[in-house]
N, C-alpha and C. Protein backbone atom coordinates (compact mmCIF):
# COMPACT_ATOMS: atom_id res chain seq x y z
N MET A 1 54.28 96.47 95.49
CA MET A 1 53.54 97.50 96.13
C MET A 1 54.25 98.02 97.38
N ILE A 2 54.80 97.09 98.17
CA ILE A 2 55.53 97.48 99.37
C ILE A 2 56.77 98.29 98.97
N LYS A 3 57.35 97.94 97.85
CA LYS A 3 58.52 98.66 97.36
C LYS A 3 58.15 100.11 97.03
N ASN A 4 56.97 100.32 96.43
CA ASN A 4 56.52 101.67 96.11
C ASN A 4 56.22 102.47 97.38
N ILE A 5 55.63 101.82 98.37
CA ILE A 5 55.32 102.50 99.64
C ILE A 5 56.62 102.91 100.32
N LYS A 6 57.63 102.03 100.31
CA LYS A 6 58.91 102.37 100.91
C LYS A 6 59.56 103.54 100.17
N SER A 7 59.45 103.54 98.84
CA SER A 7 60.02 104.63 98.05
C SER A 7 59.32 105.95 98.36
N PHE A 8 57.99 105.93 98.42
CA PHE A 8 57.25 107.15 98.75
C PHE A 8 57.56 107.62 100.18
N ALA A 9 57.67 106.69 101.09
CA ALA A 9 57.98 107.04 102.47
C ALA A 9 59.37 107.67 102.56
N PHE A 10 60.32 107.08 101.84
CA PHE A 10 61.68 107.62 101.84
C PHE A 10 61.71 109.03 101.24
N ILE A 11 61.03 109.24 100.13
CA ILE A 11 60.97 110.56 99.49
C ILE A 11 60.28 111.56 100.41
N PHE A 12 59.17 111.13 101.06
CA PHE A 12 58.46 112.02 101.97
C PHE A 12 59.34 112.42 103.16
N LEU A 13 60.06 111.46 103.72
CA LEU A 13 60.95 111.75 104.84
C LEU A 13 62.11 112.66 104.42
N ALA A 14 62.64 112.45 103.20
CA ALA A 14 63.73 113.31 102.70
C ALA A 14 63.25 114.75 102.52
N ILE A 15 62.07 114.92 101.97
CA ILE A 15 61.51 116.27 101.79
C ILE A 15 61.22 116.90 103.15
N LEU A 16 60.64 116.14 104.06
CA LEU A 16 60.34 116.65 105.40
C LEU A 16 61.64 117.06 106.11
N PHE A 17 62.68 116.24 106.02
CA PHE A 17 63.97 116.58 106.63
C PHE A 17 64.57 117.82 105.97
N GLY A 18 64.45 117.95 104.65
CA GLY A 18 64.99 119.11 103.93
C GLY A 18 64.32 120.40 104.37
N PHE A 19 63.02 120.40 104.51
CA PHE A 19 62.32 121.62 104.93
C PHE A 19 62.56 121.94 106.41
N SER A 20 62.69 120.92 107.24
CA SER A 20 62.87 121.18 108.66
C SER A 20 64.30 121.64 108.98
N SER A 21 65.26 121.31 108.14
CA SER A 21 66.65 121.71 108.41
C SER A 21 66.95 123.13 107.92
N CYS A 22 66.09 123.73 107.11
CA CYS A 22 66.31 125.09 106.61
C CYS A 22 65.85 126.10 107.66
N LYS A 23 66.72 127.05 107.95
CA LYS A 23 66.37 128.12 108.86
C LYS A 23 66.52 129.44 108.13
N LYS A 24 65.62 130.32 108.38
CA LYS A 24 65.68 131.63 107.75
C LYS A 24 66.68 132.50 108.50
N GLU A 25 67.65 133.04 107.78
CA GLU A 25 68.64 133.93 108.37
C GLU A 25 68.00 135.29 108.60
N THR A 26 68.32 135.88 109.73
CA THR A 26 67.84 137.23 110.01
C THR A 26 69.03 138.18 109.99
N TYR A 27 68.85 139.29 109.33
CA TYR A 27 69.90 140.28 109.20
C TYR A 27 69.42 141.60 109.77
N SER A 28 70.37 142.38 110.27
CA SER A 28 70.01 143.70 110.77
C SER A 28 71.16 144.66 110.51
N PHE A 29 70.83 145.92 110.36
CA PHE A 29 71.83 146.95 110.11
C PHE A 29 72.51 147.41 111.40
N GLY A 30 71.90 147.19 112.51
CA GLY A 30 72.43 147.72 113.75
C GLY A 30 71.92 149.13 113.96
N ASP A 31 72.51 149.81 114.90
CA ASP A 31 72.08 151.17 115.21
C ASP A 31 72.54 152.14 114.13
N ILE A 32 71.68 153.08 113.79
CA ILE A 32 72.04 154.15 112.87
C ILE A 32 72.63 155.27 113.71
N LYS A 33 73.90 155.58 113.44
CA LYS A 33 74.59 156.60 114.23
C LYS A 33 74.98 157.77 113.33
N THR A 34 74.48 158.93 113.67
CA THR A 34 74.84 160.16 112.97
C THR A 34 76.16 160.67 113.55
N PRO A 35 77.13 160.99 112.71
CA PRO A 35 78.40 161.51 113.23
C PRO A 35 78.20 162.79 114.04
N THR A 36 78.91 162.88 115.14
CA THR A 36 78.84 164.05 116.02
C THR A 36 80.23 164.62 116.22
N ASN A 37 80.31 165.77 116.84
CA ASN A 37 81.58 166.44 117.14
C ASN A 37 82.43 166.64 115.88
N LEU A 38 81.79 167.01 114.79
CA LEU A 38 82.49 167.20 113.52
C LEU A 38 83.33 168.47 113.59
N ALA A 39 84.62 168.34 113.27
CA ALA A 39 85.53 169.49 113.30
C ALA A 39 86.38 169.50 112.04
N LEU A 40 86.60 170.69 111.48
CA LEU A 40 87.38 170.88 110.25
C LEU A 40 88.46 171.92 110.53
N THR A 41 89.72 171.54 110.32
CA THR A 41 90.82 172.50 110.45
C THR A 41 91.61 172.52 109.15
N THR A 42 92.04 173.71 108.77
CA THR A 42 92.83 173.87 107.55
C THR A 42 94.07 174.69 107.87
N VAL A 43 95.18 174.33 107.22
CA VAL A 43 96.42 175.09 107.35
C VAL A 43 96.93 175.34 105.94
N ILE A 44 96.98 176.60 105.56
CA ILE A 44 97.46 176.99 104.23
C ILE A 44 98.99 177.06 104.29
N ALA A 45 99.65 176.39 103.34
CA ALA A 45 101.11 176.33 103.33
C ALA A 45 101.70 177.73 103.22
N GLY A 46 102.59 178.06 104.14
CA GLY A 46 103.29 179.35 104.11
C GLY A 46 102.49 180.53 104.59
N ALA A 47 101.32 180.30 105.15
CA ALA A 47 100.49 181.42 105.63
C ALA A 47 101.09 182.00 106.91
N ASN A 48 101.21 183.31 106.93
CA ASN A 48 101.67 184.04 108.11
C ASN A 48 101.04 185.42 108.08
N THR A 49 101.46 186.32 108.96
CA THR A 49 100.85 187.64 109.00
C THR A 49 101.16 188.44 107.74
N ALA A 50 102.33 188.24 107.15
CA ALA A 50 102.69 188.97 105.93
C ALA A 50 102.00 188.37 104.70
N ASN A 51 101.77 187.06 104.72
CA ASN A 51 101.14 186.36 103.59
C ASN A 51 99.98 185.51 104.12
N PRO A 52 98.85 186.12 104.42
CA PRO A 52 97.74 185.36 105.03
C PRO A 52 97.11 184.33 104.10
N THR A 53 97.33 184.46 102.79
CA THR A 53 96.75 183.50 101.84
C THR A 53 97.76 182.46 101.39
N GLY A 54 98.93 182.43 101.98
CA GLY A 54 99.90 181.37 101.70
C GLY A 54 101.09 181.83 100.88
N ASN A 55 101.98 180.88 100.61
CA ASN A 55 103.24 181.17 99.93
C ASN A 55 103.19 180.99 98.41
N GLY A 56 102.03 180.69 97.87
CA GLY A 56 101.90 180.57 96.42
C GLY A 56 101.88 179.14 95.91
N THR A 57 102.11 178.16 96.78
CA THR A 57 102.08 176.76 96.33
C THR A 57 100.66 176.24 96.15
N GLY A 58 99.72 176.82 96.85
CA GLY A 58 98.32 176.36 96.77
C GLY A 58 98.03 175.15 97.61
N SER A 59 99.00 174.70 98.41
CA SER A 59 98.81 173.51 99.25
C SER A 59 98.08 173.86 100.54
N VAL A 60 97.10 173.04 100.86
CA VAL A 60 96.32 173.23 102.08
C VAL A 60 96.24 171.89 102.80
N SER A 61 96.67 171.87 104.06
CA SER A 61 96.54 170.67 104.89
C SER A 61 95.16 170.69 105.52
N ILE A 62 94.43 169.60 105.35
CA ILE A 62 93.05 169.51 105.83
C ILE A 62 92.97 168.37 106.84
N ALA A 63 92.35 168.65 107.98
CA ALA A 63 92.12 167.63 109.00
C ALA A 63 90.66 167.67 109.41
N VAL A 64 90.01 166.51 109.34
CA VAL A 64 88.61 166.38 109.70
C VAL A 64 88.49 165.29 110.75
N THR A 65 87.75 165.57 111.81
CA THR A 65 87.50 164.55 112.83
C THR A 65 86.02 164.54 113.17
N ALA A 66 85.53 163.37 113.54
CA ALA A 66 84.13 163.23 113.97
C ALA A 66 83.99 161.93 114.74
N THR A 67 83.06 161.92 115.65
CA THR A 67 82.73 160.70 116.38
C THR A 67 81.70 159.92 115.58
N ASP A 68 81.88 158.62 115.45
CA ASP A 68 80.98 157.70 114.74
C ASP A 68 80.94 157.93 113.23
N ALA A 69 81.98 158.49 112.65
CA ALA A 69 82.04 158.66 111.19
C ALA A 69 82.76 157.46 110.58
N ILE A 70 82.21 156.96 109.48
CA ILE A 70 82.83 155.85 108.75
C ILE A 70 83.72 156.40 107.65
N THR A 71 83.22 157.42 106.96
CA THR A 71 83.96 158.01 105.84
C THR A 71 83.59 159.49 105.72
N TYR A 72 84.38 160.22 104.93
CA TYR A 72 84.15 161.64 104.72
C TYR A 72 84.10 161.95 103.23
N LYS A 73 83.13 162.76 102.82
CA LYS A 73 83.09 163.27 101.45
C LYS A 73 83.42 164.76 101.53
N ILE A 74 84.51 165.14 100.86
CA ILE A 74 85.00 166.51 100.96
C ILE A 74 84.88 167.19 99.61
N ASP A 75 84.19 168.33 99.60
CA ASP A 75 84.08 169.19 98.42
C ASP A 75 85.03 170.36 98.65
N PHE A 76 86.00 170.53 97.76
CA PHE A 76 87.05 171.52 97.96
C PHE A 76 86.66 172.92 97.50
N GLY A 77 85.52 173.08 96.87
CA GLY A 77 85.05 174.40 96.46
C GLY A 77 85.57 174.84 95.11
N ASP A 78 86.36 174.00 94.44
CA ASP A 78 86.87 174.33 93.11
C ASP A 78 86.35 173.39 92.04
N GLY A 79 85.28 172.68 92.36
CA GLY A 79 84.71 171.72 91.42
C GLY A 79 85.18 170.30 91.63
N ASN A 80 86.12 170.09 92.55
CA ASN A 80 86.63 168.75 92.84
C ASN A 80 86.14 168.29 94.20
N SER A 81 85.93 166.98 94.31
CA SER A 81 85.57 166.40 95.60
C SER A 81 86.26 165.05 95.73
N LYS A 82 86.29 164.55 96.96
CA LYS A 82 87.01 163.31 97.23
C LYS A 82 86.34 162.62 98.41
N VAL A 83 86.28 161.28 98.36
CA VAL A 83 85.78 160.49 99.47
C VAL A 83 86.98 159.82 100.13
N VAL A 84 87.15 160.05 101.42
CA VAL A 84 88.30 159.50 102.15
C VAL A 84 87.82 158.83 103.43
N SER A 85 88.57 157.82 103.86
CA SER A 85 88.23 157.15 105.12
C SER A 85 88.96 157.79 106.29
N SER A 86 90.11 158.39 106.01
CA SER A 86 90.87 159.10 107.03
C SER A 86 90.72 160.59 106.77
N GLY A 87 90.63 161.36 107.82
CA GLY A 87 90.35 162.77 107.64
C GLY A 87 91.56 163.67 107.62
N THR A 88 92.77 163.17 107.31
CA THR A 88 93.95 164.02 107.28
C THR A 88 94.69 163.83 105.95
N PHE A 89 94.85 164.93 105.21
CA PHE A 89 95.56 164.88 103.94
C PHE A 89 95.85 166.29 103.47
N THR A 90 96.59 166.40 102.35
CA THR A 90 96.92 167.70 101.76
C THR A 90 96.30 167.79 100.38
N TYR A 91 95.69 168.95 100.10
CA TYR A 91 95.09 169.20 98.79
C TYR A 91 95.78 170.41 98.17
N LYS A 92 95.95 170.37 96.85
CA LYS A 92 96.63 171.47 96.15
C LYS A 92 95.67 172.13 95.17
N TYR A 93 95.45 173.43 95.38
CA TYR A 93 94.65 174.23 94.45
C TYR A 93 95.55 174.65 93.29
N LEU A 94 94.98 174.74 92.08
CA LEU A 94 95.79 174.95 90.88
C LEU A 94 95.55 176.27 90.16
N ASP A 95 94.44 176.93 90.39
CA ASP A 95 94.13 178.17 89.66
C ASP A 95 95.02 179.32 90.16
N PRO A 96 95.85 179.92 89.25
CA PRO A 96 96.73 181.01 89.67
C PRO A 96 95.94 182.24 90.14
N GLY A 97 96.44 182.86 91.19
CA GLY A 97 95.80 184.04 91.75
C GLY A 97 95.33 183.76 93.16
N THR A 98 94.62 184.73 93.72
CA THR A 98 94.05 184.57 95.07
C THR A 98 92.55 184.37 94.93
N PHE A 99 92.07 183.25 95.43
CA PHE A 99 90.65 182.93 95.33
C PHE A 99 90.13 182.45 96.66
N ASP A 100 88.83 182.68 96.87
CA ASP A 100 88.14 182.16 98.05
C ASP A 100 87.51 180.83 97.68
N TYR A 101 87.67 179.85 98.57
CA TYR A 101 87.09 178.52 98.38
C TYR A 101 86.33 178.16 99.64
N THR A 102 85.19 177.49 99.47
CA THR A 102 84.43 176.99 100.60
C THR A 102 84.57 175.48 100.62
N ILE A 103 85.25 174.97 101.64
CA ILE A 103 85.43 173.53 101.80
C ILE A 103 84.23 173.01 102.59
N THR A 104 83.54 172.02 102.04
CA THR A 104 82.38 171.42 102.70
C THR A 104 82.68 169.95 102.94
N VAL A 105 82.48 169.52 104.17
CA VAL A 105 82.74 168.13 104.55
C VAL A 105 81.43 167.49 105.00
N ASN A 106 81.13 166.34 104.41
CA ASN A 106 80.01 165.51 104.84
C ASN A 106 80.58 164.29 105.53
N ALA A 107 80.36 164.16 106.83
CA ALA A 107 80.78 162.98 107.58
C ALA A 107 79.64 161.97 107.49
N ILE A 108 79.96 160.76 107.04
CA ILE A 108 78.93 159.74 106.82
C ILE A 108 79.06 158.67 107.89
N GLY A 109 77.95 158.41 108.57
CA GLY A 109 77.92 157.40 109.63
C GLY A 109 77.20 156.15 109.16
N THR A 110 76.84 155.29 110.10
CA THR A 110 76.17 154.04 109.76
C THR A 110 74.77 154.33 109.21
N GLY A 111 74.36 153.52 108.26
CA GLY A 111 73.05 153.69 107.66
C GLY A 111 72.95 154.91 106.75
N GLY A 112 74.08 155.57 106.45
CA GLY A 112 74.08 156.72 105.57
C GLY A 112 73.75 158.04 106.25
N ALA A 113 73.71 158.06 107.57
CA ALA A 113 73.45 159.31 108.30
C ALA A 113 74.60 160.28 108.07
N ILE A 114 74.28 161.55 107.84
CA ILE A 114 75.29 162.55 107.45
C ILE A 114 75.25 163.76 108.37
N SER A 115 76.46 164.25 108.70
CA SER A 115 76.63 165.55 109.36
C SER A 115 77.53 166.38 108.46
N SER A 116 77.30 167.70 108.40
CA SER A 116 78.06 168.56 107.50
C SER A 116 78.68 169.73 108.24
N ILE A 117 79.81 170.21 107.67
CA ILE A 117 80.47 171.41 108.16
C ILE A 117 81.15 172.07 106.97
N SER A 118 81.23 173.40 106.99
CA SER A 118 81.86 174.16 105.91
C SER A 118 82.82 175.19 106.50
N LYS A 119 83.83 175.54 105.69
CA LYS A 119 84.79 176.56 106.09
C LYS A 119 85.26 177.29 104.84
N LYS A 120 85.31 178.62 104.91
CA LYS A 120 85.77 179.44 103.79
C LYS A 120 87.24 179.79 104.01
N ILE A 121 88.05 179.58 102.94
CA ILE A 121 89.47 179.92 103.01
C ILE A 121 89.85 180.72 101.77
N SER A 122 90.91 181.52 101.89
CA SER A 122 91.48 182.24 100.75
C SER A 122 92.87 181.68 100.50
N VAL A 123 93.13 181.30 99.23
CA VAL A 123 94.40 180.66 98.89
C VAL A 123 95.02 181.40 97.71
N PHE A 124 96.33 181.65 97.83
CA PHE A 124 97.11 182.26 96.76
C PHE A 124 97.91 181.19 96.04
N VAL A 125 97.79 181.17 94.70
CA VAL A 125 98.57 180.26 93.87
C VAL A 125 99.38 181.11 92.91
N LEU A 126 100.68 180.96 92.99
CA LEU A 126 101.60 181.71 92.15
C LEU A 126 101.62 181.12 90.74
N PHE A 127 101.55 181.98 89.72
CA PHE A 127 101.66 181.49 88.35
C PHE A 127 103.12 181.20 88.04
N VAL A 128 103.38 179.99 87.61
CA VAL A 128 104.74 179.57 87.26
C VAL A 128 104.72 179.17 85.78
N ILE A 129 105.63 179.75 85.02
CA ILE A 129 105.73 179.39 83.60
C ILE A 129 106.26 177.96 83.51
N PRO A 130 105.57 177.09 82.79
CA PRO A 130 106.03 175.71 82.67
C PRO A 130 107.44 175.66 82.06
N PRO A 131 108.33 174.80 82.59
CA PRO A 131 109.71 174.73 82.12
C PRO A 131 109.88 174.55 80.61
N PRO A 132 109.07 173.73 79.91
CA PRO A 132 109.26 173.62 78.46
C PRO A 132 109.00 174.94 77.72
N ILE A 133 108.02 175.70 78.18
CA ILE A 133 107.72 176.99 77.55
C ILE A 133 108.83 177.99 77.86
N LEU A 134 109.31 177.99 79.09
CA LEU A 134 110.40 178.89 79.47
C LEU A 134 111.66 178.57 78.67
N ALA A 135 111.98 177.30 78.52
CA ALA A 135 113.18 176.92 77.76
C ALA A 135 113.04 177.28 76.30
N ALA A 136 111.82 177.12 75.75
CA ALA A 136 111.61 177.43 74.35
C ALA A 136 111.71 178.96 74.10
N SER A 137 111.24 179.74 75.06
CA SER A 137 111.26 181.18 74.86
C SER A 137 112.63 181.82 75.14
N THR A 138 113.45 181.17 75.91
CA THR A 138 114.78 181.72 76.21
C THR A 138 115.90 180.96 75.52
N ASN A 139 115.52 179.95 74.75
CA ASN A 139 116.49 179.12 74.03
C ASN A 139 117.47 178.46 75.02
N GLY A 140 116.99 178.16 76.20
CA GLY A 140 117.81 177.48 77.20
C GLY A 140 118.84 178.36 77.88
N THR A 141 118.81 179.67 77.66
CA THR A 141 119.78 180.56 78.31
C THR A 141 119.04 181.63 79.08
N SER A 142 119.77 182.41 79.80
CA SER A 142 119.20 183.51 80.56
C SER A 142 119.16 184.76 79.66
N LYS A 143 118.00 185.39 79.59
CA LYS A 143 117.86 186.60 78.78
C LYS A 143 117.22 187.68 79.63
N VAL A 144 117.59 188.92 79.32
CA VAL A 144 117.02 190.04 80.03
C VAL A 144 116.04 190.74 79.11
């Protein structure tokens, strides 16, 4: 009987120790910060007074800055978008001709807070005949 009491006491103390040693962890997201001072600058490759829409390459250098932004979601206005952590890169438009595109940037802060900015640009993309088609049509030589 004493053996059973000791066993029950040991089990009771083990359970009591197990429950008393567990602590509930507390988690928090911290402050929710909406990005501020959002700025978008674009430079079209080869753009000058004679060619305001660029040199035909379709390359556009994009720089985005914001205070308290974690990441940026950029919609290029041609059906493509990209999520980047750094706000400086080059994007190339592919549709031949001169088209207007509206670049929209969503700066994402802590807790998913978003600030947005948009800018309209005109870009010229020169149509270039792909080399295999050009070679096939000229038989690899120059023709007039």
